[in-house]
Amino acid sequence: MHLPQDAQLLRIFIGEADKYHGKPLFEAIVNLARENHLAGATVLRGQMGFGAHSRMHSAKVLRLSEDLPVIIEIVDAPEKIEAFLPLLDSMITEGLITLENVKVIAYRSGQ
């Protein structure tokens, strides 16, 4: 797959405990991105954060189950990201979605 040098970065901020049809929301988003042939997606788990409700979420040694912040990053051509955005609308009921222009330096599969 070839990515244009001028691409877009879609960043989705949600909670680890957020669900979509009974499954983790971050998994549902990554699977949907793959089904739609986007270049790739990465899920990052945060150690600490807060959102619109100003409720603090943090990883503490004594707590085993947390609703930690999760960020999903997807980079692809602007037209592919634009087509993907409406699909996210029905999935995300709480969170933040940002979009920024990026310059792709390399996108290699190692083959």
C-alpha atoms as a PDB file:
ATOM      1  CA  MET A   1       0.000   0.000   0.000  1.00  0.00           C
ATOM      2  CA  HIS A   2       1.208   3.474  -0.839  1.00  0.00           C
ATOM      3  CA  LEU A   3       0.491   6.487   1.338  1.00  0.00           C
ATOM      4  CA  PRO A   4       0.673   9.994  -0.107  1.00  0.00           C
ATOM      5  CA  GLN A   5       3.259  12.264   1.456  1.00  0.00           C
ATOM      6  CA  ASP A   6       0.511  14.696   2.508  1.00  0.00           C
ATOM      7  CA  ALA A   7      -1.822  12.681   4.732  1.00  0.00           C
ATOM      8  CA  GLN A   8      -4.041  13.143   7.764  1.00  0.00           C
ATOM      9  CA  LEU A   9      -3.800  11.884  11.332  1.00  0.00           C
ATOM     10  CA  LEU A  10      -7.094  10.955  12.937  1.00  0.00           C
ATOM     11  CA  ARG A  11      -6.806  10.817  16.721  1.00  0.00           C
ATOM     12  CA  ILE A  12      -9.632   9.427  18.846  1.00  0.00           C
ATOM     13  CA  PHE A  13      -9.661   9.879  22.641  1.00  0.00           C
ATOM     14  CA  ILE A  14     -11.954   7.475  24.506  1.00  0.00           C
ATOM     15  CA  GLY A  15     -12.050   5.465  27.721  1.00  0.00           C
ATOM     16  CA  GLU A  16     -10.744   1.939  28.055  1.00  0.00           C
ATOM     17  CA  ALA A  17     -14.100   0.764  29.455  1.00  0.00           C
ATOM     18  CA  ASP A  18     -16.160   2.245  26.577  1.00  0.00           C
ATOM     19  CA  LYS A  19     -18.142  -0.412  24.725  1.00  0.00           C
ATOM     20  CA  TYR A  20     -19.708  -0.839  21.299  1.00  0.00           C
ATOM     21  CA  HIS A  21     -22.158  -3.732  20.940  1.00  0.00           C
ATOM     22  CA  GLY A  22     -20.688  -5.371  24.029  1.00  0.00           C
ATOM     23  CA  LYS A  23     -17.055  -5.246  22.867  1.00  0.00           C
ATOM     24  CA  PRO A  24     -14.336  -2.736  23.724  1.00  0.00           C
ATOM     25  CA  LEU A  25     -14.869   0.382  21.624  1.00  0.00           C
ATOM     26  CA  PHE A  26     -11.176   0.673  20.756  1.00  0.00           C
ATOM     27  CA  GLU A  27     -11.259  -2.866  19.273  1.00  0.00           C
ATOM     28  CA  ALA A  28     -14.385  -2.084  17.275  1.00  0.00           C
ATOM     29  CA  ILE A  29     -12.785   1.068  15.835  1.00  0.00           C
ATOM     30  CA  VAL A  30      -9.541  -0.683  14.873  1.00  0.00           C
ATOM     31  CA  ASN A  31     -11.459  -3.564  13.279  1.00  0.00           C
ATOM     32  CA  LEU A  32     -13.621  -1.106  11.337  1.00  0.00           C
ATOM     33  CA  ALA A  33     -10.508   0.756  10.158  1.00  0.00           C
ATOM     34  CA  ARG A  34      -9.056  -2.535   8.904  1.00  0.00           C
ATOM     35  CA  GLU A  35     -12.311  -3.505   7.176  1.00  0.00           C
ATOM     36  CA  ASN A  36     -12.230  -0.134   5.416  1.00  0.00           C
ATOM     37  CA  HIS A  37      -8.644  -0.722   4.244  1.00  0.00           C
ATOM     38  CA  LEU A  38      -7.106   2.195   6.102  1.00  0.00           C
ATOM     39  CA  ALA A  39      -3.309   2.179   6.212  1.00  0.00           C
ATOM     40  CA  GLY A  40      -3.096   1.235   9.896  1.00  0.00           C
ATOM     41  CA  ALA A  41      -4.247   2.000  13.410  1.00  0.00           C
ATOM     42  CA  THR A  42      -2.475   2.123  16.760  1.00  0.00           C
ATOM     43  CA  VAL A  43      -4.082   2.005  20.205  1.00  0.00           C
ATOM     44  CA  LEU A  44      -2.235   3.785  23.012  1.00  0.00           C
ATOM     45  CA  ARG A  45      -3.211   3.270  26.649  1.00  0.00           C
ATOM     46  CA  GLY A  46      -2.701   6.300  28.864  1.00  0.00           C
ATOM     47  CA  GLN A  47      -1.442   6.273  32.424  1.00  0.00           C
ATOM     48  CA  MET A  48      -3.505   9.242  33.520  1.00  0.00           C
ATOM     49  CA  GLY A  49      -6.011  11.688  32.130  1.00  0.00           C
ATOM     50  CA  PHE A  50      -9.402  13.382  32.321  1.00  0.00           C
ATOM     51  CA  GLY A  51     -12.045  14.386  29.835  1.00  0.00           C
ATOM     52  CA  ALA A  52     -15.207  16.442  29.509  1.00  0.00           C
ATOM     53  CA  HIS A  53     -16.496  15.389  32.950  1.00  0.00           C
ATOM     54  CA  SER A  54     -13.168  16.345  34.621  1.00  0.00           C
ATOM     55  CA  ARG A  55     -13.139  12.921  36.298  1.00  0.00           C
ATOM     56  CA  MET A  56      -9.532  11.826  36.864  1.00  0.00           C
ATOM     57  CA  HIS A  57      -8.502   8.401  35.567  1.00  0.00           C
ATOM     58  CA  SER A  58      -5.130   7.008  36.585  1.00  0.00           C
ATOM     59  CA  ALA A  59      -3.226   3.745  36.867  1.00  0.00           C
ATOM     60  CA  LYS A  60      -2.527   3.033  40.516  1.00  0.00           C
ATOM     61  CA  VAL A  61      -0.558   0.021  41.754  1.00  0.00           C
ATOM     62  CA  LEU A  62      -3.344  -1.137  44.073  1.00  0.00           C
ATOM     63  CA  ARG A  63      -6.129  -0.841  41.501  1.00  0.00           C
ATOM     64  CA  LEU A  64      -6.493  -3.654  38.992  1.00  0.00           C
ATOM     65  CA  SER A  65      -9.447  -2.474  36.942  1.00  0.00           C
ATOM     66  CA  GLU A  66      -9.443   1.071  35.622  1.00  0.00           C
ATOM     67  CA  ASP A  67     -11.105   3.084  32.932  1.00  0.00           C
ATOM     68  CA  LEU A  68      -7.840   4.483  31.646  1.00  0.00           C
ATOM     69  CA  PRO A  69      -7.594   6.885  28.712  1.00  0.00           C
ATOM     70  CA  VAL A  70      -7.159   5.295  25.291  1.00  0.00           C
ATOM     71  CA  ILE A  71      -5.988   7.052  22.133  1.00  0.00           C
ATOM     72  CA  ILE A  72      -6.437   5.528  18.691  1.00  0.00           C
ATOM     73  CA  GLU A  73      -4.285   6.989  15.926  1.00  0.00           C
ATOM     74  CA  ILE A  74      -4.974   6.384  12.245  1.00  0.00           C
ATOM     75  CA  VAL A  75      -2.987   7.904   9.364  1.00  0.00           C
ATOM     76  CA  ASP A  76      -4.124   7.753   5.763  1.00  0.00           C
ATOM     77  CA  ALA A  77      -4.993   9.841   2.715  1.00  0.00           C
ATOM     78  CA  PRO A  78      -7.403  12.699   3.446  1.00  0.00           C
ATOM     79  CA  GLU A  79     -10.191  11.216   1.300  1.00  0.00           C
ATOM     80  CA  LYS A  80     -10.002   7.856   3.103  1.00  0.00           C
ATOM     81  CA  ILE A  81     -10.071   9.523   6.525  1.00  0.00           C
ATOM     82  CA  GLU A  82     -12.988  11.717   5.440  1.00  0.00           C
ATOM     83  CA  ALA A  83     -14.962   8.637   4.338  1.00  0.00           C
ATOM     84  CA  PHE A  84     -14.240   6.949   7.681  1.00  0.00           C
ATOM     85  CA  LEU A  85     -15.460   9.818   9.893  1.00  0.00           C
ATOM     86  CA  PRO A  86     -19.227   9.209   9.450  1.00  0.00           C
ATOM     87  CA  LEU A  87     -18.740   5.589  10.523  1.00  0.00           C
ATOM     88  CA  LEU A  88     -17.280   6.770  13.841  1.00  0.00           C
ATOM     89  CA  ASP A  89     -20.195   9.077  14.554  1.00  0.00           C
ATOM     90  CA  SER A  90     -22.595   6.321  15.617  1.00  0.00           C
ATOM     91  CA  MET A  91     -19.921   4.458  17.597  1.00  0.00           C
ATOM     92  CA  ILE A  92     -18.584   7.207  19.843  1.00  0.00           C
ATOM     93  CA  THR A  93     -21.040   8.640  22.356  1.00  0.00           C
ATOM     94  CA  GLU A  94     -18.388  10.167  24.616  1.00  0.00           C
ATOM     95  CA  GLY A  95     -14.864  11.242  23.740  1.00  0.00           C
ATOM     96  CA  LEU A  96     -12.849  13.537  21.504  1.00  0.00           C
ATOM     97  CA  ILE A  97     -11.906  13.213  17.837  1.00  0.00           C
ATOM     98  CA  THR A  98      -9.194  15.378  16.279  1.00  0.00           C
ATOM     99  CA  LEU A  99      -7.803  15.613  12.785  1.00  0.00           C
ATOM    100  CA  GLU A 100      -4.545  17.146  11.626  1.00  0.00           C
ATOM    101  CA  ASN A 101      -2.480  17.281   8.486  1.00  0.00           C
ATOM    102  CA  VAL A 102       0.754  15.283   8.601  1.00  0.00           C
ATOM    103  CA  LYS A 103       3.649  14.623   6.254  1.00  0.00           C
ATOM    104  CA  VAL A 104       4.423  10.933   5.765  1.00  0.00           C
ATOM    105  CA  ILE A 105       8.170  10.352   5.659  1.00  0.00           C
ATOM    106  CA  ALA A 106       8.113   6.562   5.333  1.00  0.00           C
ATOM    107  CA  TYR A 107       5.513   3.782   5.290  1.00  0.00           C
ATOM    108  CA  ARG A 108       7.202   0.420   4.883  1.00  0.00           C
ATOM    109  CA  SER A 109       6.078  -3.175   5.373  1.00  0.00           C
ATOM    110  CA  GLY A 110       9.602  -4.602   5.755  1.00  0.00           C
ATOM    111  CA  GLN A 111       9.247  -6.936   2.775  1.00  0.00           C
END
